[in-house]
PDB file of N, CA and C in Angstrom:
ATOM      1  N   UNK A   1      21.670   2.051   8.530  1.00  0.00           N
ATOM      2  CA  UNK A   1      20.525   1.479   7.843  1.00  0.00           C
ATOM      3  C   UNK A   1      19.196   2.000   8.532  1.00  0.00           C
ATOM      4  N   UNK A   2      19.117   1.823   9.880  1.00  0.00           N
ATOM      5  CA  UNK A   2      17.987   2.216  10.608  1.00  0.00           C
ATOM      6  C   UNK A   2      17.631   3.681  10.584  1.00  0.00           C
ATOM      7  N   UNK A   3      18.727   4.475  10.619  1.00  0.00           N
ATOM      8  CA  UNK A   3      18.693   6.001  10.664  1.00  0.00           C
ATOM      9  C   UNK A   3      18.088   6.438   9.330  1.00  0.00           C
ATOM     10  N   UNK A   4      18.638   5.877   8.213  1.00  0.00           N
ATOM     11  CA  UNK A   4      18.197   6.201   6.857  1.00  0.00           C
ATOM     12  C   UNK A   4      16.791   5.731   6.621  1.00  0.00           C
ATOM     13  N   UNK A   5      16.416   4.607   7.108  1.00  0.00           N
ATOM     14  CA  UNK A   5      15.060   4.110   6.938  1.00  0.00           C
ATOM     15  C   UNK A   5      14.047   5.026   7.713  1.00  0.00           C
ATOM     16  N   UNK A   6      14.444   5.366   8.906  1.00  0.00           N
ATOM     17  CA  UNK A   6      13.638   6.230   9.703  1.00  0.00           C
ATOM     18  C   UNK A   6      13.317   7.595   8.953  1.00  0.00           C
ATOM     19  N   UNK A   7      14.462   8.171   8.443  1.00  0.00           N
ATOM     20  CA  UNK A   7      14.358   9.491   7.791  1.00  0.00           C
ATOM     21  C   UNK A   7      13.460   9.403   6.556  1.00  0.00           C
ATOM     22  N   UNK A   8      13.616   8.339   5.746  1.00  0.00           N
ATOM     23  CA  UNK A   8      12.773   8.112   4.576  1.00  0.00           C
ATOM     24  C   UNK A   8      11.326   7.927   4.985  1.00  0.00           C
ATOM     25  N   UNK A   9      11.073   7.123   6.014  1.00  0.00           N
ATOM     26  CA  UNK A   9       9.728   6.860   6.404  1.00  0.00           C
ATOM     27  C   UNK A   9       9.022   8.211   6.862  1.00  0.00           C
ATOM     28  N   UNK A  10       9.794   9.028   7.589  1.00  0.00           N
ATOM     29  CA  UNK A  10       9.215  10.349   8.050  1.00  0.00           C
ATOM     30  C   UNK A  10       8.838  11.215   6.871  1.00  0.00           C
ATOM     31  N   UNK A  11       9.736  11.232   5.837  1.00  0.00           N
ATOM     32  CA  UNK A  11       9.569  12.092   4.625  1.00  0.00           C
ATOM     33  C   UNK A  11       8.400  11.485   3.738  1.00  0.00           C
ATOM     34  N   UNK A  12       8.216  10.209   3.760  1.00  0.00           N
ATOM     35  CA  UNK A  12       7.106   9.623   3.015  1.00  0.00           C
ATOM     36  C   UNK A  12       5.713   9.866   3.593  1.00  0.00           C
ATOM     37  N   UNK A  13       5.681  10.097   4.861  1.00  0.00           N
ATOM     38  CA  UNK A  13       4.347  10.236   5.549  1.00  0.00           C
ATOM     39  C   UNK A  13       3.447  11.255   4.897  1.00  0.00           C
ATOM     40  N   UNK A  14       4.138  12.390   4.437  1.00  0.00           N
ATOM     41  CA  UNK A  14       3.385  13.500   3.891  1.00  0.00           C
ATOM     42  C   UNK A  14       2.750  13.215   2.481  1.00  0.00           C
ATOM     43  N   UNK A  15       3.328  12.149   1.801  1.00  0.00           N
ATOM     44  CA  UNK A  15       2.867  11.919   0.491  1.00  0.00           C
ATOM     45  C   UNK A  15       2.055  10.542   0.299  1.00  0.00           C
ATOM     46  N   UNK A  16       2.201   9.670   1.272  1.00  0.00           N
ATOM     47  CA  UNK A  16       1.649   8.261   1.246  1.00  0.00           C
ATOM     48  C   UNK A  16       0.118   8.359   0.974  1.00  0.00           C
ATOM     49  N   UNK A  17      -0.584   9.162   1.686  1.00  0.00           N
ATOM     50  CA  UNK A  17      -2.077   9.168   1.442  1.00  0.00           C
ATOM     51  C   UNK A  17      -2.478   9.696   0.198  1.00  0.00           C
ATOM     52  N   UNK A  18      -1.622  10.378  -0.574  1.00  0.00           N
ATOM     53  CA  UNK A  18      -1.910  10.845  -1.913  1.00  0.00           C
ATOM     54  C   UNK A  18      -1.633   9.804  -3.015  1.00  0.00           C
ATOM     55  N   UNK A  19      -0.632   8.975  -2.743  1.00  0.00           N
ATOM     56  CA  UNK A  19      -0.186   7.995  -3.781  1.00  0.00           C
ATOM     57  C   UNK A  19      -0.763   6.629  -3.594  1.00  0.00           C
ATOM     58  N   UNK A  20      -1.238   6.291  -2.405  1.00  0.00           N
ATOM     59  CA  UNK A  20      -1.846   4.973  -2.139  1.00  0.00           C
ATOM     60  C   UNK A  20      -3.349   5.170  -2.229  1.00  0.00           C
ATOM     61  N   UNK A  21      -3.956   4.205  -2.978  1.00  0.00           N
ATOM     62  CA  UNK A  21      -5.347   4.300  -3.286  1.00  0.00           C
ATOM     63  C   UNK A  21      -6.068   4.285  -2.057  1.00  0.00           C
ATOM     64  N   UNK A  22      -7.297   5.029  -2.086  1.00  0.00           N
ATOM     65  CA  UNK A  22      -8.101   5.224  -0.950  1.00  0.00           C
ATOM     66  C   UNK A  22      -8.618   3.904  -0.311  1.00  0.00           C
ATOM     67  N   UNK A  23      -8.819   2.872  -1.117  1.00  0.00           N
ATOM     68  CA  UNK A  23      -9.281   1.541  -0.585  1.00  0.00           C
ATOM     69  C   UNK A  23      -8.233   0.800   0.196  1.00  0.00           C
ATOM     70  N   UNK A  24      -6.936   1.325   0.154  1.00  0.00           N
ATOM     71  CA  UNK A  24      -5.888   0.631   0.978  1.00  0.00           C
ATOM     72  C   UNK A  24      -6.036   1.265   2.303  1.00  0.00           C
ATOM     73  N   UNK A  25      -6.427   0.442   3.295  1.00  0.00           N
ATOM     74  CA  UNK A  25      -6.772   1.089   4.675  1.00  0.00           C
ATOM     75  C   UNK A  25      -5.802   0.808   5.666  1.00  0.00           C
ATOM     76  N   UNK A  26      -4.928  -0.186   5.501  1.00  0.00           N
ATOM     77  CA  UNK A  26      -3.997  -0.471   6.530  1.00  0.00           C
ATOM     78  C   UNK A  26      -2.646   0.257   6.381  1.00  0.00           C
ATOM     79  N   UNK A  27      -2.032   0.515   7.546  1.00  0.00           N
ATOM     80  CA  UNK A  27      -0.614   0.991   7.630  1.00  0.00           C
ATOM     81  C   UNK A  27      -0.500   2.405   7.122  1.00  0.00           C
ATOM     82  N   UNK A  28      -1.519   3.180   7.100  1.00  0.00           N
ATOM     83  CA  UNK A  28      -1.473   4.606   6.804  1.00  0.00           C
ATOM     84  C   UNK A  28      -2.066   5.454   7.883  1.00  0.00           C
ATOM     85  N   UNK A  29      -1.505   6.630   8.237  1.00  0.00           N
ATOM     86  CA  UNK A  29      -2.190   7.415   9.286  1.00  0.00           C
ATOM     87  C   UNK A  29      -3.557   7.754   8.940  1.00  0.00           C
ATOM     88  N   UNK A  30      -4.441   7.678   9.961  1.00  0.00           N
ATOM     89  CA  UNK A  30      -5.871   8.037   9.832  1.00  0.00           C
ATOM     90  C   UNK A  30      -6.701   6.998   8.922  1.00  0.00           C
ATOM     91  N   UNK A  31      -6.106   5.954   8.474  1.00  0.00           N
ATOM     92  CA  UNK A  31      -6.756   4.858   7.772  1.00  0.00           C
ATOM     93  C   UNK A  31      -6.667   3.660   8.560  1.00  0.00           C
ATOM     94  N   UNK A  32      -7.741   2.985   8.783  1.00  0.00           N
ATOM     95  CA  UNK A  32      -7.682   1.763   9.635  1.00  0.00           C
ATOM     96  C   UNK A  32      -8.343   0.633   8.895  1.00  0.00           C
ATOM     97  N   UNK A  33      -7.841  -0.518   9.196  1.00  0.00           N
ATOM     98  CA  UNK A  33      -8.355  -1.772   8.455  1.00  0.00           C
ATOM     99  C   UNK A  33      -9.848  -2.021   8.820  1.00  0.00           C
ATOM    100  N   UNK A  34     -10.335  -1.462   9.857  1.00  0.00           N
ATOM    101  CA  UNK A  34     -11.837  -1.707  10.202  1.00  0.00           C
ATOM    102  C   UNK A  34     -12.682  -0.955   9.119  1.00  0.00           C
ATOM    103  N   UNK A  35     -12.073   0.038   8.319  1.00  0.00           N
ATOM    104  CA  UNK A  35     -12.834   0.634   7.337  1.00  0.00           C
ATOM    105  C   UNK A  35     -13.287  -0.387   6.277  1.00  0.00           C
ATOM    106  N   UNK A  36     -12.500  -1.407   6.081  1.00  0.00           N
ATOM    107  CA  UNK A  36     -12.803  -2.442   5.079  1.00  0.00           C
ATOM    108  C   UNK A  36     -14.093  -3.238   5.586  1.00  0.00           C
ATOM    109  N   UNK A  37     -14.144  -3.436   6.875  1.00  0.00           N
ATOM    110  CA  UNK A  37     -15.319  -4.131   7.524  1.00  0.00           C
ATOM    111  C   UNK A  37     -16.567  -3.236   7.233  1.00  0.00           C
ATOM    112  N   UNK A  38     -16.441  -1.948   7.572  1.00  0.00           N
ATOM    113  CA  UNK A  38     -17.598  -1.099   7.370  1.00  0.00           C
ATOM    114  C   UNK A  38     -17.998  -1.136   5.856  1.00  0.00           C
ATOM    115  N   UNK A  39     -17.141  -1.191   4.936  1.00  0.00           N
ATOM    116  CA  UNK A  39     -17.484  -1.214   3.496  1.00  0.00           C
ATOM    117  C   UNK A  39     -18.289  -2.480   3.225  1.00  0.00           C
ATOM    118  N   UNK A  40     -17.838  -3.563   3.779  1.00  0.00           N
ATOM    119  CA  UNK A  40     -18.491  -4.875   3.524  1.00  0.00           C
ATOM    120  C   UNK A  40     -19.965  -4.845   4.145  1.00  0.00           C
ATOM    121  N   UNK A  41     -20.112  -4.322   5.371  1.00  0.00           N
ATOM    122  CA  UNK A  41     -21.361  -4.095   6.011  1.00  0.00           C
ATOM    123  C   UNK A  41     -22.338  -3.263   5.090  1.00  0.00           C
ATOM    124  N   UNK A  42     -21.749  -2.187   4.508  1.00  0.00           N
ATOM    125  CA  UNK A  42     -22.454  -1.307   3.706  1.00  0.00           C
ATOM    126  C   UNK A  42     -23.022  -1.999   2.450  1.00  0.00           C
ATOM    127  N   UNK A  43     -22.085  -2.816   1.856  1.00  0.00           N
ATOM    128  CA  UNK A  43     -22.499  -3.607   0.725  1.00  0.00           C
ATOM    129  C   UNK A  43     -23.673  -4.637   1.067  1.00  0.00           C
ATOM    130  N   UNK A  44     -23.617  -5.212   2.210  1.00  0.00           N
ATOM    131  CA  UNK A  44     -24.630  -6.260   2.589  1.00  0.00           C
ATOM    132  C   UNK A  44     -25.897  -5.456   2.835  1.00  0.00           C
ATOM    133  N   UNK A  45     -25.888  -4.295   3.421  1.00  0.00           N
ATOM    134  CA  UNK A  45     -27.044  -3.518   3.663  1.00  0.00           C
ATOM    135  C   UNK A  45     -27.667  -2.988   2.352  1.00  0.00           C
ATOM    136  N   UNK A  46     -26.850  -2.656   1.400  1.00  0.00           N
ATOM    137  CA  UNK A  46     -27.376  -2.250   0.103  1.00  0.00           C
ATOM    138  C   UNK A  46     -28.153  -3.383  -0.578  1.00  0.00           C
ATOM    139  N   UNK A  47     -27.494  -4.552  -0.638  1.00  0.00           N
ATOM    140  CA  UNK A  47     -28.127  -5.657  -1.199  1.00  0.00           C
ATOM    141  C   UNK A  47     -29.307  -6.288  -0.497  1.00  0.00           C
ATOM    142  N   UNK A  48     -29.387  -5.993   0.741  1.00  0.00           N
ATOM    143  CA  UNK A  48     -30.596  -6.426   1.575  1.00  0.00           C
ATOM    144  C   UNK A  48     -31.794  -5.568   1.052  1.00  0.00           C
ATOM    145  N   UNK A  49     -31.598  -4.322   0.740  1.00  0.00           N
ATOM    146  CA  UNK A  49     -32.545  -3.449   0.150  1.00  0.00           C
ATOM    147  C   UNK A  49     -32.923  -3.772  -1.300  1.00  0.00           C
ATOM    148  N   UNK A  50     -31.897  -4.059  -1.996  1.00  0.00           N
ATOM    149  CA  UNK A  50     -32.021  -4.263  -3.493  1.00  0.00           C
ATOM    150  C   UNK A  50     -31.795  -5.758  -3.798  1.00  0.00           C
ATOM    151  N   UNK A  51     -33.041  -6.625  -3.452  1.00  0.00           N
ATOM    152  CA  UNK A  51     -32.814  -7.993  -3.489  1.00  0.00           C
ATOM    153  C   UNK A  51     -32.805  -8.513  -4.944  1.00  0.00           C
ATOM    154  N   UNK A  52     -33.137  -7.721  -5.869  1.00  0.00           N
ATOM    155  CA  UNK A  52     -33.150  -8.217  -7.301  1.00  0.00           C
ATOM    156  C   UNK A  52     -31.790  -8.189  -7.935  1.00  0.00           C
ATOM    157  N   UNK A  53     -30.845  -7.626  -7.301  1.00  0.00           N
ATOM    158  CA  UNK A  53     -29.522  -7.524  -7.772  1.00  0.00           C
ATOM    159  C   UNK A  53     -28.734  -8.725  -7.408  1.00  0.00           C
ATOM    160  N   UNK A  54     -27.781  -9.069  -8.213  1.00  0.00           N
ATOM    161  CA  UNK A  54     -26.883 -10.270  -7.838  1.00  0.00           C
ATOM    162  C   UNK A  54     -25.670  -9.702  -7.245  1.00  0.00           C
ATOM    163  N   UNK A  55     -25.210 -10.416  -6.211  1.00  0.00           N
ATOM    164  CA  UNK A  55     -24.033  -9.943  -5.384  1.00  0.00           C
ATOM    165  C   UNK A  55     -23.016 -10.990  -5.485  1.00  0.00           C
ATOM    166  N   UNK A  56     -21.796 -10.564  -5.517  1.00  0.00           N
ATOM    167  CA  UNK A  56     -20.569 -11.493  -5.247  1.00  0.00           C
ATOM    168  C   UNK A  56     -19.441 -10.693  -4.593  1.00  0.00           C
ATOM    169  N   UNK A  57     -18.877 -11.207  -3.604  1.00  0.00           N
ATOM    170  CA  UNK A  57     -17.824 -10.645  -2.908  1.00  0.00           C
ATOM    171  C   UNK A  57     -16.560 -11.529  -3.083  1.00  0.00           C
ATOM    172  N   UNK A  58     -15.466 -11.031  -3.377  1.00  0.00           N
ATOM    173  CA  UNK A  58     -14.287 -11.849  -3.536  1.00  0.00           C
ATOM    174  C   UNK A  58     -13.313 -11.311  -2.540  1.00  0.00           C
ATOM    175  N   UNK A  59     -12.711 -12.146  -1.713  1.00  0.00           N
ATOM    176  CA  UNK A  59     -11.715 -11.801  -0.760  1.00  0.00           C
ATOM    177  C   UNK A  59     -10.316 -12.337  -1.190  1.00  0.00           C
ATOM    178  N   UNK A  60      -9.472 -11.447  -1.287  1.00  0.00           N
ATOM    179  CA  UNK A  60      -8.027 -11.987  -1.784  1.00  0.00           C
ATOM    180  C   UNK A  60      -7.130 -11.722  -0.601  1.00  0.00           C
ATOM    181  N   UNK A  61      -6.218 -12.702  -0.440  1.00  0.00           N
ATOM    182  CA  UNK A  61      -5.203 -12.605   0.537  1.00  0.00           C
ATOM    183  C   UNK A  61      -3.791 -12.263  -0.112  1.00  0.00           C
ATOM    184  N   UNK A  62      -3.473 -10.991   0.099  1.00  0.00           N
ATOM    185  CA  UNK A  62      -2.205 -10.587  -0.483  1.00  0.00           C
ATOM    186  C   UNK A  62      -1.050 -11.125   0.184  1.00  0.00           C
ATOM    187  N   UNK A  63       0.018 -11.483  -0.560  1.00  0.00           N
ATOM    188  CA  UNK A  63       1.329 -11.823   0.041  1.00  0.00           C
ATOM    189  C   UNK A  63       1.954 -10.709   0.632  1.00  0.00           C
ATOM    190  N   UNK A  64       3.008 -11.016   1.446  1.00  0.00           N
ATOM    191  CA  UNK A  64       3.769  -9.941   1.924  1.00  0.00           C
ATOM    192  C   UNK A  64       4.509  -9.238   0.757  1.00  0.00           C
ATOM    193  N   UNK A  65       4.627  -7.907   0.962  1.00  0.00           N
ATOM    194  CA  UNK A  65       5.256  -7.161  -0.064  1.00  0.00           C
ATOM    195  C   UNK A  65       6.649  -7.580  -0.546  1.00  0.00           C
ATOM    196  N   UNK A  66       7.407  -8.018   0.360  1.00  0.00           N
ATOM    197  CA  UNK A  66       8.847  -8.422   0.085  1.00  0.00           C
ATOM    198  C   UNK A  66       8.890  -9.797  -0.473  1.00  0.00           C
ATOM    199  N   UNK A  67       7.870 -10.632  -0.347  1.00  0.00           N
ATOM    200  CA  UNK A  67       7.886 -11.997  -0.982  1.00  0.00           C
ATOM    201  C   UNK A  67       8.260 -12.030  -2.367  1.00  0.00           C
ATOM    202  N   UNK A  68       7.722 -11.192  -3.238  1.00  0.00           N
ATOM    203  CA  UNK A  68       7.923 -11.260  -4.673  1.00  0.00           C
ATOM    204  C   UNK A  68       8.322  -9.810  -5.244  1.00  0.00           C
ATOM    205  N   UNK A  69       9.051  -9.099  -4.498  1.00  0.00           N
ATOM    206  CA  UNK A  69       9.395  -7.663  -5.031  1.00  0.00           C
ATOM    207  C   UNK A  69      10.432  -7.708  -6.026  1.00  0.00           C
ATOM    208  N   UNK A  70      10.154  -7.080  -7.212  1.00  0.00           N
ATOM    209  CA  UNK A  70      11.124  -6.875  -8.233  1.00  0.00           C
ATOM    210  C   UNK A  70      11.664  -5.457  -8.005  1.00  0.00           C
ATOM    211  N   UNK A  71      12.919  -5.368  -7.636  1.00  0.00           N
ATOM    212  CA  UNK A  71      13.531  -4.052  -7.324  1.00  0.00           C
ATOM    213  C   UNK A  71      13.702  -3.139  -8.530  1.00  0.00           C
ATOM    214  N   UNK A  72      13.907  -3.696  -9.711  1.00  0.00           N
ATOM    215  CA  UNK A  72      14.031  -2.956 -10.912  1.00  0.00           C
ATOM    216  C   UNK A  72      12.665  -2.251 -11.258  1.00  0.00           C
ATOM    217  N   UNK A  73      11.482  -2.973 -11.035  1.00  0.00           N
ATOM    218  CA  UNK A  73      10.188  -2.471 -11.218  1.00  0.00           C
ATOM    219  C   UNK A  73       9.903  -1.371 -10.258  1.00  0.00           C
ATOM    220  N   UNK A  74      10.340  -1.632  -8.954  1.00  0.00           N
ATOM    221  CA  UNK A  74      10.123  -0.596  -7.899  1.00  0.00           C
ATOM    222  C   UNK A  74      10.830   0.659  -8.224  1.00  0.00           C
ATOM    223  N   UNK A  75      12.132   0.629  -8.688  1.00  0.00           N
ATOM    224  CA  UNK A  75      12.786   1.825  -9.112  1.00  0.00           C
ATOM    225  C   UNK A  75      12.136   2.534 -10.241  1.00  0.00           C
ATOM    226  N   UNK A  76      11.713   1.732 -11.287  1.00  0.00           N
ATOM    227  CA  UNK A  76      11.036   2.365 -12.394  1.00  0.00           C
ATOM    228  C   UNK A  76       9.656   2.995 -11.913  1.00  0.00           C
ATOM    229  N   UNK A  77       8.916   2.470 -11.032  1.00  0.00           N
ATOM    230  CA  UNK A  77       7.633   3.019 -10.501  1.00  0.00           C
ATOM    231  C   UNK A  77       7.981   4.330  -9.737  1.00  0.00           C
ATOM    232  N   UNK A  78       9.050   4.302  -8.896  1.00  0.00           N
ATOM    233  CA  UNK A  78       9.373   5.475  -8.127  1.00  0.00           C
ATOM    234  C   UNK A  78       9.816   6.622  -9.071  1.00  0.00           C
ATOM    235  N   UNK A  79      10.492   6.278 -10.090  1.00  0.00           N
ATOM    236  CA  UNK A  79      10.881   7.242 -11.104  1.00  0.00           C
ATOM    237  C   UNK A  79       9.768   7.907 -11.794  1.00  0.00           C
ATOM    238  N   UNK A  80       8.847   6.946 -12.218  1.00  0.00           N
ATOM    239  CA  UNK A  80       7.612   7.422 -12.844  1.00  0.00           C
ATOM    240  C   UNK A  80       6.731   8.353 -11.928  1.00  0.00           C
ATOM    241  N   UNK A  81       6.742   8.040 -10.692  1.00  0.00           N
ATOM    242  CA  UNK A  81       6.033   8.879  -9.743  1.00  0.00           C
ATOM    243  C   UNK A  81       6.680  10.105  -9.276  1.00  0.00           C
ATOM    244  N   UNK A  82       7.785  10.486  -9.998  1.00  0.00           N
ATOM    245  CA  UNK A  82       8.628  11.665  -9.787  1.00  0.00           C
ATOM    246  C   UNK A  82       9.384  11.820  -8.415  1.00  0.00           C
ATOM    247  N   UNK A  83       9.648  10.622  -7.889  1.00  0.00           N
ATOM    248  CA  UNK A  83      10.543  10.641  -6.702  1.00  0.00           C
ATOM    249  C   UNK A  83      11.955  10.926  -7.220  1.00  0.00           C
ATOM    250  N   UNK A  84      12.616  11.742  -6.439  1.00  0.00           N
ATOM    251  CA  UNK A  84      14.001  12.263  -6.880  1.00  0.00           C
ATOM    252  C   UNK A  84      15.100  11.144  -6.804  1.00  0.00           C
ATOM    253  N   UNK A  85      16.145  11.406  -7.502  1.00  0.00           N
ATOM    254  CA  UNK A  85      17.239  10.475  -7.628  1.00  0.00           C
ATOM    255  C   UNK A  85      17.892  10.200  -6.204  1.00  0.00           C
ATOM    256  N   UNK A  86      18.010  11.235  -5.421  1.00  0.00           N
ATOM    257  CA  UNK A  86      18.538  11.035  -4.061  1.00  0.00           C
ATOM    258  C   UNK A  86      17.725  10.050  -3.280  1.00  0.00           C
ATOM    259  N   UNK A  87      16.346  10.231  -3.359  1.00  0.00           N
ATOM    260  CA  UNK A  87      15.434   9.335  -2.609  1.00  0.00           C
ATOM    261  C   UNK A  87      15.544   7.968  -3.134  1.00  0.00           C
ATOM    262  N   UNK A  88      15.548   7.726  -4.398  1.00  0.00           N
ATOM    263  CA  UNK A  88      15.680   6.352  -5.039  1.00  0.00           C
ATOM    264  C   UNK A  88      17.025   5.732  -4.707  1.00  0.00           C
ATOM    265  N   UNK A  89      18.068   6.677  -4.618  1.00  0.00           N
ATOM    266  CA  UNK A  89      19.401   6.154  -4.211  1.00  0.00           C
ATOM    267  C   UNK A  89      19.395   5.647  -2.722  1.00  0.00           C
ATOM    268  N   UNK A  90      18.662   6.370  -1.843  1.00  0.00           N
ATOM    269  CA  UNK A  90      18.605   5.927  -0.478  1.00  0.00           C
ATOM    270  C   UNK A  90      17.909   4.542  -0.434  1.00  0.00           C
ATOM    271  N   UNK A  91      16.819   4.384  -1.189  1.00  0.00           N
ATOM    272  CA  UNK A  91      16.086   3.184  -1.265  1.00  0.00           C
ATOM    273  C   UNK A  91      16.990   1.996  -1.664  1.00  0.00           C
ATOM    274  N   UNK A  92      17.738   2.243  -2.723  1.00  0.00           N
ATOM    275  CA  UNK A  92      18.660   1.279  -3.225  1.00  0.00           C
ATOM    276  C   UNK A  92      19.721   0.924  -2.144  1.00  0.00           C
ATOM    277  N   UNK A  93      20.203   1.969  -1.484  1.00  0.00           N
ATOM    278  CA  UNK A  93      21.290   1.719  -0.407  1.00  0.00           C
ATOM    279  C   UNK A  93      20.692   0.888   0.708  1.00  0.00           C
ATOM    280  N   UNK A  94      19.524   1.188   1.147  1.00  0.00           N
ATOM    281  CA  UNK A  94      18.907   0.501   2.280  1.00  0.00           C
ATOM    282  C   UNK A  94      18.571  -0.969   1.935  1.00  0.00           C
ATOM    283  N   UNK A  95      18.038  -1.229   0.731  1.00  0.00           N
ATOM    284  CA  UNK A  95      17.576  -2.541   0.394  1.00  0.00           C
ATOM    285  C   UNK A  95      18.383  -3.357  -0.586  1.00  0.00           C
ATOM    286  N   UNK A  96      19.584  -2.868  -0.774  1.00  0.00           N
ATOM    287  CA  UNK A  96      20.490  -3.523  -1.735  1.00  0.00           C
ATOM    288  C   UNK A  96      20.821  -4.975  -1.159  1.00  0.00           C
ATOM    289  N   UNK A  97      20.561  -5.925  -1.967  1.00  0.00           N
ATOM    290  CA  UNK A  97      20.782  -7.360  -1.630  1.00  0.00           C
ATOM    291  C   UNK A  97      19.932  -7.900  -0.453  1.00  0.00           C
ATOM    292  N   UNK A  98      18.803  -7.215  -0.189  1.00  0.00           N
ATOM    293  CA  UNK A  98      18.046  -7.822   0.937  1.00  0.00           C
ATOM    294  C   UNK A  98      17.211  -8.876   0.426  1.00  0.00           C
ATOM    295  N   UNK A  99      16.820  -9.864   1.317  1.00  0.00           N
ATOM    296  CA  UNK A  99      16.014 -10.955   0.995  1.00  0.00           C
ATOM    297  C   UNK A  99      14.884 -11.109   2.021  1.00  0.00           C
ATOM    298  N   UNK A 100      13.886 -11.732   1.696  1.00  0.00           N
ATOM    299  CA  UNK A 100      12.828 -12.040   2.678  1.00  0.00           C
ATOM    300  C   UNK A 100      13.249 -13.269   3.355  1.00  0.00           C
ATOM    301  N   UNK A 101      12.680 -13.453   4.637  1.00  0.00           N
ATOM    302  CA  UNK A 101      12.999 -14.591   5.448  1.00  0.00           C
ATOM    303  C   UNK A 101      11.716 -15.145   5.985  1.00  0.00           C
TER     304      UNK A 101
END
């Protein structure tokens, strides 16, 4: 299990930054969560200069990915993103019957 997961993680490193939205800053090489803080500061500075504009910031707390993961949807998404059958098969093998604790 750990060997397969490590191999898949290494192979994914080269594509993650292309398939994960630029605003997702955590858990990716060269992207840091502090970038979100910088974005918020930039927004405040913008609205400090443009005082006639209305501003609203919404902060959402995302659940852990495995809390509500639908494996069928994950497989469909990976297929739609053109991941190969071998890769998807490895994912199925690693996470078959896994549950969150």
